[in-house]
PDB file of all heavy atoms in Angstrom:
ATOM      1  N   GLN A   1     -78.548  72.949 -35.638  1.00  0.00           N
ATOM      2  CA  GLN A   1     -79.920  72.471 -36.095  1.00  0.00           C
ATOM      3  C   GLN A   1     -80.264  71.207 -35.337  1.00  0.00           C
ATOM      4  O   GLN A   1     -79.517  70.284 -35.218  1.00  0.00           O
ATOM      5  CB  GLN A   1     -79.714  72.270 -37.634  1.00  0.00           C
ATOM      6  CG  GLN A   1     -79.477  73.330 -38.566  1.00  0.00           C
ATOM      7  CD  GLN A   1     -80.560  74.466 -38.550  1.00  0.00           C
ATOM      8  OE1 GLN A   1     -81.723  74.259 -38.435  1.00  0.00           O
ATOM      9  NE2 GLN A   1     -80.110  75.621 -38.728  1.00  0.00           N
ATOM     10  N   SER A   2     -81.592  71.189 -35.085  1.00  0.00           N
ATOM     11  CA  SER A   2     -82.074  69.924 -34.316  1.00  0.00           C
ATOM     12  C   SER A   2     -82.204  68.936 -35.512  1.00  0.00           C
ATOM     13  O   SER A   2     -82.706  69.185 -36.638  1.00  0.00           O
ATOM     14  CB  SER A   2     -83.389  70.206 -33.687  1.00  0.00           C
ATOM     15  OG  SER A   2     -84.405  70.559 -34.635  1.00  0.00           O
ATOM     16  N   THR A   3     -81.725  67.712 -35.229  1.00  0.00           N
ATOM     17  CA  THR A   3     -81.792  66.657 -36.135  1.00  0.00           C
ATOM     18  C   THR A   3     -83.096  66.040 -36.300  1.00  0.00           C
ATOM     19  O   THR A   3     -83.492  65.583 -35.043  1.00  0.00           O
ATOM     20  CB  THR A   3     -80.736  65.528 -35.942  1.00  0.00           C
ATOM     21  OG1 THR A   3     -79.394  66.205 -35.721  1.00  0.00           O
ATOM     22  CG2 THR A   3     -80.609  64.460 -36.997  1.00  0.00           C
ATOM     23  N   PRO A   4     -83.785  65.992 -37.278  1.00  0.00           N
ATOM     24  CA  PRO A   4     -85.099  65.418 -37.240  1.00  0.00           C
ATOM     25  C   PRO A   4     -84.950  63.875 -37.005  1.00  0.00           C
ATOM     26  O   PRO A   4     -84.013  63.261 -37.544  1.00  0.00           O
ATOM     27  CB  PRO A   4     -85.608  65.670 -38.716  1.00  0.00           C
ATOM     28  CG  PRO A   4     -84.526  65.944 -39.513  1.00  0.00           C
ATOM     29  CD  PRO A   4     -83.405  66.572 -38.578  1.00  0.00           C
ATOM     30  N   LYS A   5     -85.859  63.310 -36.198  1.00  0.00           N
ATOM     31  CA  LYS A   5     -85.867  61.910 -35.879  1.00  0.00           C
ATOM     32  C   LYS A   5     -86.505  61.153 -36.922  1.00  0.00           C
ATOM     33  O   LYS A   5     -87.604  61.659 -37.364  1.00  0.00           O
ATOM     34  CB  LYS A   5     -86.595  61.554 -34.531  1.00  0.00           C
ATOM     35  CG  LYS A   5     -85.892  62.290 -33.355  1.00  0.00           C
ATOM     36  CD  LYS A   5     -86.716  61.920 -32.068  1.00  0.00           C
ATOM     37  CE  LYS A   5     -86.025  62.556 -30.943  1.00  0.00           C
ATOM     38  NZ  LYS A   5     -86.912  62.470 -29.640  1.00  0.00           N
ATOM     39  N   LYS A   6     -85.922  60.005 -37.193  1.00  0.00           N
ATOM     40  CA  LYS A   6     -86.502  59.098 -38.295  1.00  0.00           C
ATOM     41  C   LYS A   6     -87.725  58.368 -37.709  1.00  0.00           C
ATOM     42  O   LYS A   6     -87.740  57.874 -36.606  1.00  0.00           O
ATOM     43  CB  LYS A   6     -85.524  58.006 -38.853  1.00  0.00           C
ATOM     44  CG  LYS A   6     -84.383  58.643 -39.693  1.00  0.00           C
ATOM     45  CD  LYS A   6     -83.582  57.541 -40.367  1.00  0.00           C
ATOM     46  CE  LYS A   6     -82.610  58.020 -41.189  1.00  0.00           C
ATOM     47  NZ  LYS A   6     -81.724  56.903 -41.782  1.00  0.00           N
ATOM     48  N   ARG A   7     -88.681  58.458 -38.468  1.00  0.00           N
ATOM     49  CA  ARG A   7     -89.931  57.688 -38.103  1.00  0.00           C
ATOM     50  C   ARG A   7     -89.746  56.271 -38.680  1.00  0.00           C
ATOM     51  O   ARG A   7     -89.571  56.084 -39.804  1.00  0.00           O
ATOM     52  CB  ARG A   7     -91.179  58.292 -38.665  1.00  0.00           C
ATOM     53  CG  ARG A   7     -91.556  59.557 -37.895  1.00  0.00           C
ATOM     54  CD  ARG A   7     -92.930  59.852 -38.242  1.00  0.00           C
ATOM     55  NE  ARG A   7     -93.879  59.046 -37.749  1.00  0.00           N
ATOM     56  CZ  ARG A   7     -95.032  59.206 -37.746  1.00  0.00           C
ATOM     57  NH1 ARG A   7     -95.660  60.212 -38.528  1.00  0.00           N
ATOM     58  NH2 ARG A   7     -96.016  58.211 -37.213  1.00  0.00           N
ATOM     59  N   HIS A   8     -90.056  55.278 -37.877  1.00  0.00           N
ATOM     60  CA  HIS A   8     -90.167  53.853 -38.261  1.00  0.00           C
ATOM     61  C   HIS A   8     -91.418  53.573 -38.927  1.00  0.00           C
ATOM     62  O   HIS A   8     -92.394  54.116 -38.388  1.00  0.00           O
ATOM     63  CB  HIS A   8     -89.727  53.031 -37.072  1.00  0.00           C
ATOM     64  CG  HIS A   8     -88.545  53.162 -36.482  1.00  0.00           C
ATOM     65  ND1 HIS A   8     -87.278  52.882 -37.124  1.00  0.00           N
ATOM     66  CD2 HIS A   8     -88.106  53.481 -35.263  1.00  0.00           C
ATOM     67  CE1 HIS A   8     -86.300  53.162 -36.407  1.00  0.00           C
ATOM     68  NE2 HIS A   8     -86.763  53.664 -35.054  1.00  0.00           N
ATOM     69  N   SER A   9     -91.477  52.900 -40.014  1.00  0.00           N
ATOM     70  CA  SER A   9     -92.707  52.527 -40.540  1.00  0.00           C
ATOM     71  C   SER A   9     -93.475  51.609 -39.672  1.00  0.00           C
ATOM     72  O   SER A   9     -92.889  50.708 -39.078  1.00  0.00           O
ATOM     73  CB  SER A   9     -92.530  52.015 -42.044  1.00  0.00           C
ATOM     74  OG  SER A   9     -91.645  50.816 -41.948  1.00  0.00           O
ATOM     75  N   ARG A  10     -94.784  51.783 -39.549  1.00  0.00           N
ATOM     76  CA  ARG A  10     -95.621  50.958 -38.665  1.00  0.00           C
ATOM     77  C   ARG A  10     -96.535  50.238 -39.578  1.00  0.00           C
ATOM     78  O   ARG A  10     -96.981  50.833 -40.484  1.00  0.00           O
ATOM     79  CB  ARG A  10     -96.285  51.778 -37.631  1.00  0.00           C
ATOM     80  CG  ARG A  10     -95.492  52.504 -36.763  1.00  0.00           C
ATOM     81  CD  ARG A  10     -96.225  53.291 -35.830  1.00  0.00           C
ATOM     82  NE  ARG A  10     -95.540  54.047 -34.840  1.00  0.00           N
ATOM     83  CZ  ARG A  10     -96.030  55.043 -33.976  1.00  0.00           C
ATOM     84  NH1 ARG A  10     -97.430  55.208 -34.037  1.00  0.00           N
ATOM     85  NH2 ARG A  10     -95.219  55.664 -33.287  1.00  0.00           N
ATOM     86  N   SER A  11     -97.083  49.181 -39.060  1.00  0.00           N
ATOM     87  CA  SER A  11     -98.012  48.396 -39.786  1.00  0.00           C
ATOM     88  C   SER A  11     -99.335  49.138 -39.347  1.00  0.00           C
ATOM     89  O   SER A  11     -99.433  49.726 -38.428  1.00  0.00           O
ATOM     90  CB  SER A  11     -98.033  46.922 -39.399  1.00  0.00           C
ATOM     91  OG  SER A  11     -98.465  46.955 -38.006  1.00  0.00           O
ATOM     92  N   PRO A  12    -100.404  48.904 -40.162  1.00  0.00           N
ATOM     93  CA  PRO A  12    -101.740  49.499 -39.845  1.00  0.00           C
ATOM     94  C   PRO A  12    -102.152  49.158 -38.358  1.00  0.00           C
ATOM     95  O   PRO A  12    -102.820  49.880 -37.649  1.00  0.00           O
ATOM     96  CB  PRO A  12    -102.658  49.019 -40.949  1.00  0.00           C
ATOM     97  CG  PRO A  12    -101.729  48.667 -42.061  1.00  0.00           C
ATOM     98  CD  PRO A  12    -100.426  48.182 -41.465  1.00  0.00           C
ATOM     99  N   LYS A  13    -101.898  47.884 -37.971  1.00  0.00           N
ATOM    100  CA  LYS A  13    -102.210  47.321 -36.698  1.00  0.00           C
ATOM    101  C   LYS A  13    -101.482  48.209 -35.632  1.00  0.00           C
ATOM    102  O   LYS A  13    -102.241  48.712 -34.747  1.00  0.00           O
ATOM    103  CB  LYS A  13    -101.822  46.047 -36.511  1.00  0.00           C
ATOM    104  CG  LYS A  13    -102.454  45.385 -35.206  1.00  0.00           C
ATOM    105  CD  LYS A  13    -101.973  43.892 -35.070  1.00  0.00           C
ATOM    106  CE  LYS A  13    -102.288  43.324 -33.667  1.00  0.00           C
ATOM    107  NZ  LYS A  13    -101.851  41.940 -33.565  1.00  0.00           N
ATOM    108  N   ASP A  14    -100.378  48.492 -35.836  1.00  0.00           N
ATOM    109  CA  ASP A  14     -99.488  49.271 -34.824  1.00  0.00           C
ATOM    110  C   ASP A  14    -100.044  50.709 -34.749  1.00  0.00           C
ATOM    111  O   ASP A  14    -100.141  51.323 -33.613  1.00  0.00           O
ATOM    112  CB  ASP A  14     -98.032  49.301 -35.266  1.00  0.00           C
ATOM    113  CG  ASP A  14     -97.262  48.067 -35.008  1.00  0.00           C
ATOM    114  OD1 ASP A  14     -97.890  47.198 -34.319  1.00  0.00           O
ATOM    115  OD2 ASP A  14     -96.272  47.864 -35.657  1.00  0.00           O
ATOM    116  N   GLU A  15    -100.473  51.266 -35.884  1.00  0.00           N
ATOM    117  CA  GLU A  15    -101.012  52.672 -35.990  1.00  0.00           C
ATOM    118  C   GLU A  15    -102.356  52.665 -35.158  1.00  0.00           C
ATOM    119  O   GLU A  15    -102.452  53.555 -34.364  1.00  0.00           O
ATOM    120  CB  GLU A  15    -101.277  53.025 -37.360  1.00  0.00           C
ATOM    121  CG  GLU A  15    -100.112  53.436 -38.157  1.00  0.00           C
ATOM    122  CD  GLU A  15     -99.458  54.709 -37.609  1.00  0.00           C
ATOM    123  OE1 GLU A  15    -100.173  55.607 -37.155  1.00  0.00           O
ATOM    124  OE2 GLU A  15     -98.266  54.931 -37.759  1.00  0.00           O
ATOM    125  N   THR A  16    -103.208  51.762 -35.326  1.00  0.00           N
ATOM    126  CA  THR A  16    -104.332  51.566 -34.578  1.00  0.00           C
ATOM    127  C   THR A  16    -104.135  51.361 -33.073  1.00  0.00           C
ATOM    128  O   THR A  16    -104.831  52.150 -32.330  1.00  0.00           O
ATOM    129  CB  THR A  16    -105.340  50.401 -35.122  1.00  0.00           C
ATOM    130  OG1 THR A  16    -105.507  50.520 -36.504  1.00  0.00           O
ATOM    131  CG2 THR A  16    -106.664  50.422 -34.449  1.00  0.00           C
ATOM    132  N   LEU A  17    -103.232  50.654 -32.686  1.00  0.00           N
ATOM    133  CA  LEU A  17    -102.989  50.480 -31.255  1.00  0.00           C
ATOM    134  C   LEU A  17    -102.439  51.686 -30.714  1.00  0.00           C
ATOM    135  O   LEU A  17    -102.782  52.167 -29.554  1.00  0.00           O
ATOM    136  CB  LEU A  17    -101.990  49.217 -31.129  1.00  0.00           C
ATOM    137  CG  LEU A  17    -102.431  47.845 -31.271  1.00  0.00           C
ATOM    138  CD1 LEU A  17    -101.322  46.877 -31.257  1.00  0.00           C
ATOM    139  CD2 LEU A  17    -103.596  47.472 -30.329  1.00  0.00           C
ATOM    140  N   GLN A  18    -101.624  52.444 -31.473  1.00  0.00           N
ATOM    141  CA  GLN A  18    -101.080  53.780 -30.997  1.00  0.00           C
ATOM    142  C   GLN A  18    -102.166  54.784 -30.710  1.00  0.00           C
ATOM    143  O   GLN A  18    -102.286  55.440 -29.779  1.00  0.00           O
ATOM    144  CB  GLN A  18     -99.982  54.273 -32.047  1.00  0.00           C
ATOM    145  CG  GLN A  18     -99.374  55.566 -31.679  1.00  0.00           C
ATOM    146  CD  GLN A  18     -98.636  55.535 -30.304  1.00  0.00           C
ATOM    147  OE1 GLN A  18     -98.009  54.533 -29.977  1.00  0.00           O
ATOM    148  NE2 GLN A  18     -98.549  56.739 -29.658  1.00  0.00           N
ATOM    149  N   GLN A  19    -103.203  54.747 -31.735  1.00  0.00           N
ATOM    150  CA  GLN A  19    -104.179  55.791 -31.682  1.00  0.00           C
ATOM    151  C   GLN A  19    -105.087  55.463 -30.421  1.00  0.00           C
ATOM    152  O   GLN A  19    -105.492  56.278 -29.760  1.00  0.00           O
ATOM    153  CB  GLN A  19    -105.042  55.873 -32.951  1.00  0.00           C
ATOM    154  CG  GLN A  19    -104.244  56.452 -34.023  1.00  0.00           C
ATOM    155  CD  GLN A  19    -104.977  56.155 -35.373  1.00  0.00           C
ATOM    156  OE1 GLN A  19    -105.985  55.425 -35.476  1.00  0.00           O
ATOM    157  NE2 GLN A  19    -104.419  56.901 -36.453  1.00  0.00           N
ATOM    158  N   VAL A  20    -105.357  54.236 -30.194  1.00  0.00           N
ATOM    159  CA  VAL A  20    -106.197  53.723 -28.966  1.00  0.00           C
ATOM    160  C   VAL A  20    -105.586  54.057 -27.777  1.00  0.00           C
ATOM    161  O   VAL A  20    -106.094  54.718 -26.940  1.00  0.00           O
ATOM    162  CB  VAL A  20    -106.373  52.248 -29.069  1.00  0.00           C
ATOM    163  CG1 VAL A  20    -106.936  51.661 -27.799  1.00  0.00           C
ATOM    164  CG2 VAL A  20    -107.423  51.792 -30.291  1.00  0.00           C
ATOM    165  N   ALA A  21    -104.145  53.961 -27.570  1.00  0.00           N
ATOM    166  CA  ALA A  21    -103.432  54.377 -26.477  1.00  0.00           C
ATOM    167  C   ALA A  21    -103.492  55.808 -26.318  1.00  0.00           C
ATOM    168  O   ALA A  21    -103.670  56.364 -25.199  1.00  0.00           O
ATOM    169  CB  ALA A  21    -102.019  53.863 -26.589  1.00  0.00           C
ATOM    170  N   GLU A  22    -103.337  56.567 -27.364  1.00  0.00           N
ATOM    171  CA  GLU A  22    -103.418  58.028 -27.177  1.00  0.00           C
ATOM    172  C   GLU A  22    -104.905  58.583 -26.771  1.00  0.00           C
ATOM    173  O   GLU A  22    -104.984  59.437 -26.030  1.00  0.00           O
ATOM    174  CB  GLU A  22    -103.078  58.719 -28.569  1.00  0.00           C
ATOM    175  CG  GLU A  22    -101.578  58.549 -28.912  1.00  0.00           C
ATOM    176  CD  GLU A  22    -101.343  59.105 -30.280  1.00  0.00           C
ATOM    177  OE1 GLU A  22    -102.117  59.659 -31.061  1.00  0.00           O
ATOM    178  OE2 GLU A  22     -99.983  59.027 -30.737  1.00  0.00           O
ATOM    179  N   VAL A  23    -105.917  57.884 -27.280  1.00  0.00           N
ATOM    180  CA  VAL A  23    -107.276  58.272 -26.855  1.00  0.00           C
ATOM    181  C   VAL A  23    -107.424  57.943 -25.387  1.00  0.00           C
ATOM    182  O   VAL A  23    -108.015  58.741 -24.635  1.00  0.00           O
ATOM    183  CB  VAL A  23    -108.300  57.507 -27.925  1.00  0.00           C
ATOM    184  CG1 VAL A  23    -109.651  57.631 -27.231  1.00  0.00           C
ATOM    185  CG2 VAL A  23    -108.251  58.121 -29.190  1.00  0.00           C
ATOM    186  N   GLU A  24    -107.062  56.773 -24.893  1.00  0.00           N
ATOM    187  CA  GLU A  24    -107.065  56.428 -23.498  1.00  0.00           C
ATOM    188  C   GLU A  24    -106.299  57.400 -22.572  1.00  0.00           C
ATOM    189  O   GLU A  24    -106.942  57.737 -21.593  1.00  0.00           O
ATOM    190  CB  GLU A  24    -106.616  54.998 -23.322  1.00  0.00           C
ATOM    191  CG  GLU A  24    -107.514  53.875 -23.930  1.00  0.00           C
ATOM    192  CD  GLU A  24    -107.003  52.409 -23.865  1.00  0.00           C
ATOM    193  OE1 GLU A  24    -105.700  52.302 -23.331  1.00  0.00           O
ATOM    194  OE2 GLU A  24    -107.675  51.526 -24.168  1.00  0.00           O
ATOM    195  N   LEU A  25    -105.230  57.728 -23.047  1.00  0.00           N
ATOM    196  CA  LEU A  25    -104.354  58.701 -22.253  1.00  0.00           C
ATOM    197  C   LEU A  25    -105.136  60.043 -22.192  1.00  0.00           C
ATOM    198  O   LEU A  25    -105.301  60.582 -21.133  1.00  0.00           O
ATOM    199  CB  LEU A  25    -103.059  58.893 -22.969  1.00  0.00           C
ATOM    200  CG  LEU A  25    -102.120  59.917 -22.143  1.00  0.00           C
ATOM    201  CD1 LEU A  25    -101.784  59.390 -20.734  1.00  0.00           C
ATOM    202  CD2 LEU A  25    -100.936  60.042 -22.990  1.00  0.00           C
ATOM    203  N   LEU A  26    -105.681  60.557 -23.220  1.00  0.00           N
ATOM    204  CA  LEU A  26    -106.379  61.730 -23.305  1.00  0.00           C
ATOM    205  C   LEU A  26    -107.606  61.774 -22.312  1.00  0.00           C
ATOM    206  O   LEU A  26    -107.976  62.647 -21.563  1.00  0.00           O
ATOM    207  CB  LEU A  26    -106.804  62.250 -24.550  1.00  0.00           C
ATOM    208  CG  LEU A  26    -105.693  62.637 -25.614  1.00  0.00           C
ATOM    209  CD1 LEU A  26    -106.221  62.911 -27.023  1.00  0.00           C
ATOM    210  CD2 LEU A  26    -105.185  64.033 -25.092  1.00  0.00           C
ATOM    211  N   HIS A  27    -108.306  60.536 -22.357  1.00  0.00           N
ATOM    212  CA  HIS A  27    -109.502  60.299 -21.647  1.00  0.00           C
ATOM    213  C   HIS A  27    -109.119  60.411 -20.094  1.00  0.00           C
ATOM    214  O   HIS A  27    -109.832  60.955 -19.214  1.00  0.00           O
ATOM    215  CB  HIS A  27    -110.140  59.035 -22.013  1.00  0.00           C
ATOM    216  CG  HIS A  27    -111.457  58.678 -21.098  1.00  0.00           C
ATOM    217  ND1 HIS A  27    -112.518  59.419 -21.307  1.00  0.00           N
ATOM    218  CD2 HIS A  27    -111.660  57.786 -20.156  1.00  0.00           C
ATOM    219  CE1 HIS A  27    -113.443  59.030 -20.478  1.00  0.00           C
ATOM    220  NE2 HIS A  27    -112.917  58.120 -19.771  1.00  0.00           N
ATOM    221  N   LYS A  28    -108.027  59.745 -19.854  1.00  0.00           N
ATOM    222  CA  LYS A  28    -107.570  59.760 -18.309  1.00  0.00           C
ATOM    223  C   LYS A  28    -107.239  61.011 -17.776  1.00  0.00           C
ATOM    224  O   LYS A  28    -107.481  61.454 -16.820  1.00  0.00           O
ATOM    225  CB  LYS A  28    -106.415  58.758 -18.111  1.00  0.00           C
ATOM    226  CG  LYS A  28    -106.669  57.290 -18.201  1.00  0.00           C
ATOM    227  CD  LYS A  28    -105.522  56.386 -18.052  1.00  0.00           C
ATOM    228  CE  LYS A  28    -105.903  54.925 -18.193  1.00  0.00           C
ATOM    229  NZ  LYS A  28    -104.707  54.103 -18.107  1.00  0.00           N
ATOM    230  N   GLN A  29    -106.503  61.875 -18.743  1.00  0.00           N
ATOM    231  CA  GLN A  29    -106.096  63.220 -18.380  1.00  0.00           C
ATOM    232  C   GLN A  29    -107.368  64.076 -18.137  1.00  0.00           C
ATOM    233  O   GLN A  29    -107.319  64.900 -17.220  1.00  0.00           O
ATOM    234  CB  GLN A  29    -105.128  63.809 -19.504  1.00  0.00           C
ATOM    235  CG  GLN A  29    -103.852  63.145 -19.438  1.00  0.00           C
ATOM    236  CD  GLN A  29    -102.896  63.612 -20.568  1.00  0.00           C
ATOM    237  OE1 GLN A  29    -103.483  64.185 -21.637  1.00  0.00           O
ATOM    238  NE2 GLN A  29    -101.615  63.471 -20.487  1.00  0.00           N
ATOM    239  N   SER A  30    -108.331  63.905 -18.989  1.00  0.00           N
ATOM    240  CA  SER A  30    -109.402  64.834 -18.931  1.00  0.00           C
ATOM    241  C   SER A  30    -110.247  64.368 -17.745  1.00  0.00           C
ATOM    242  O   SER A  30    -110.764  65.247 -17.045  1.00  0.00           O
ATOM    243  CB  SER A  30    -110.361  64.870 -20.141  1.00  0.00           C
ATOM    244  OG  SER A  30    -110.951  63.563 -20.510  1.00  0.00           O
ATOM    245  N   ALA A  31    -110.367  63.074 -17.301  1.00  0.00           N
ATOM    246  CA  ALA A  31    -111.069  62.630 -16.199  1.00  0.00           C
ATOM    247  C   ALA A  31    -110.322  63.184 -14.946  1.00  0.00           C
ATOM    248  O   ALA A  31    -110.925  63.643 -13.984  1.00  0.00           O
ATOM    249  CB  ALA A  31    -111.160  61.189 -16.105  1.00  0.00           C
ATOM    250  N   GLY A  32    -108.988  63.277 -14.973  1.00  0.00           N
ATOM    251  CA  GLY A  32    -108.201  63.759 -13.807  1.00  0.00           C
ATOM    252  C   GLY A  32    -108.481  65.231 -13.659  1.00  0.00           C
ATOM    253  O   GLY A  32    -108.530  65.721 -12.604  1.00  0.00           O
ATOM    254  N   ALA A  33    -108.571  65.865 -14.716  1.00  0.00           N
ATOM    255  CA  ALA A  33    -108.707  67.390 -14.790  1.00  0.00           C
ATOM    256  C   ALA A  33    -110.139  67.788 -14.203  1.00  0.00           C
ATOM    257  O   ALA A  33    -110.311  68.594 -13.521  1.00  0.00           O
ATOM    258  CB  ALA A  33    -108.638  68.005 -16.113  1.00  0.00           C
ATOM    259  N   LYS A  34    -111.100  66.890 -14.570  1.00  0.00           N
ATOM    260  CA  LYS A  34    -112.408  67.166 -14.108  1.00  0.00           C
ATOM    261  C   LYS A  34    -112.539  66.922 -12.588  1.00  0.00           C
ATOM    262  O   LYS A  34    -113.258  67.680 -11.807  1.00  0.00           O
ATOM    263  CB  LYS A  34    -113.492  66.132 -14.833  1.00  0.00           C
ATOM    264  CG  LYS A  34    -113.756  66.697 -16.235  1.00  0.00           C
ATOM    265  CD  LYS A  34    -114.674  65.628 -16.823  1.00  0.00           C
ATOM    266  CE  LYS A  34    -114.852  65.972 -18.324  1.00  0.00           C
ATOM    267  NZ  LYS A  34    -115.550  64.927 -19.005  1.00  0.00           N
ATOM    268  N   SER A  35    -111.924  65.970 -12.072  1.00  0.00           N
ATOM    269  CA  SER A  35    -111.933  65.633 -10.698  1.00  0.00           C
ATOM    270  C   SER A  35    -111.145  66.777  -9.841  1.00  0.00           C
ATOM    271  O   SER A  35    -111.691  67.084  -8.793  1.00  0.00           O
ATOM    272  CB  SER A  35    -111.270  64.203 -10.325  1.00  0.00           C
ATOM    273  OG  SER A  35    -109.939  64.117 -10.603  1.00  0.00           O
ATOM    274  N   VAL A  36    -110.169  67.300 -10.473  1.00  0.00           N
ATOM    275  CA  VAL A  36    -109.481  68.416  -9.782  1.00  0.00           C
ATOM    276  C   VAL A  36    -110.382  69.525  -9.730  1.00  0.00           C
ATOM    277  O   VAL A  36    -110.451  70.258  -8.789  1.00  0.00           O
ATOM    278  CB  VAL A  36    -108.121  68.747 -10.550  1.00  0.00           C
ATOM    279  CG1 VAL A  36    -107.513  69.990 -10.048  1.00  0.00           C
ATOM    280  CG2 VAL A  36    -107.163  67.569 -10.407  1.00  0.00           C
ATOM    281  N   ASP A  37    -111.117  69.861 -10.852  1.00  0.00           N
ATOM    282  CA  ASP A  37    -112.014  71.039 -10.959  1.00  0.00           C
ATOM    283  C   ASP A  37    -113.127  70.828  -9.812  1.00  0.00           C
ATOM    284  O   ASP A  37    -113.587  71.849  -9.373  1.00  0.00           O
ATOM    285  CB  ASP A  37    -112.624  71.198 -12.310  1.00  0.00           C
ATOM    286  CG  ASP A  37    -111.578  71.617 -13.279  1.00  0.00           C
ATOM    287  OD1 ASP A  37    -110.559  72.170 -12.957  1.00  0.00           O
ATOM    288  OD2 ASP A  37    -111.823  71.465 -14.502  1.00  0.00           O
ATOM    289  N   ALA A  38    -113.558  69.710  -9.656  1.00  0.00           N
ATOM    290  CA  ALA A  38    -114.686  69.498  -8.708  1.00  0.00           C
ATOM    291  C   ALA A  38    -114.438  69.626  -7.203  1.00  0.00           C
ATOM    292  O   ALA A  38    -115.221  69.923  -6.499  1.00  0.00           O
ATOM    293  CB  ALA A  38    -115.257  68.127  -8.955  1.00  0.00           C
TER     294      ALA A  38
END
Protein backbone atom coordinates (compact mmCIF):
# COMPACT_ATOMS: atom_id res chain seq x y z
CA GLN A 1 0.00 0.00 0.00
CA SER A 2 1.25 3.46 -0.73
CA THR A 3 1.70 5.33 2.50
CA PRO A 4 -0.25 8.57 2.50
CA LYS A 5 1.93 11.59 3.10
CA LYS A 6 1.13 13.73 6.10
CA ARG A 7 0.14 17.25 5.28
CA HIS A 8 1.66 19.89 7.43
CA SER A 9 -0.78 22.47 8.61
CA ARG A 10 -0.22 25.82 6.98
CA SER A 11 -1.13 29.27 8.03
CA PRO A 12 -3.67 31.14 5.85
CA LYS A 13 -0.79 33.31 4.58
CA ASP A 14 1.13 30.18 3.43
CA GLU A 15 -2.00 28.87 1.69
CA THR A 16 -2.41 32.18 -0.18
CA LEU A 17 1.25 32.21 -1.25
CA GLN A 18 0.94 28.62 -2.45
CA GLN A 19 -2.18 29.42 -4.49
CA VAL A 20 -0.48 32.48 -6.04
CA ALA A 21 2.54 30.35 -6.98
CA GLU A 22 0.28 27.72 -8.59
CA VAL A 23 -1.61 30.35 -10.58
CA GLU A 24 1.67 31.90 -11.80
CA LEU A 25 2.96 28.47 -12.81
CA LEU A 26 -0.24 27.67 -14.73
CA HIS A 27 -0.06 31.08 -16.45
CA LYS A 28 3.56 30.46 -17.52
CA GLN A 29 2.69 26.98 -18.80
CA SER A 30 -0.29 28.21 -20.81
CA ALA A 31 1.78 31.09 -22.25
CA GLY A 32 4.45 28.61 -23.27
CA ALA A 33 1.85 26.35 -24.87
CA LYS A 34 0.44 29.26 -26.87
CA SER A 35 3.86 30.25 -28.17
CA VAL A 36 4.49 26.65 -29.24
CA ASP A 37 1.14 26.56 -31.06
CA ALA A 38 1.91 29.80 -32.89
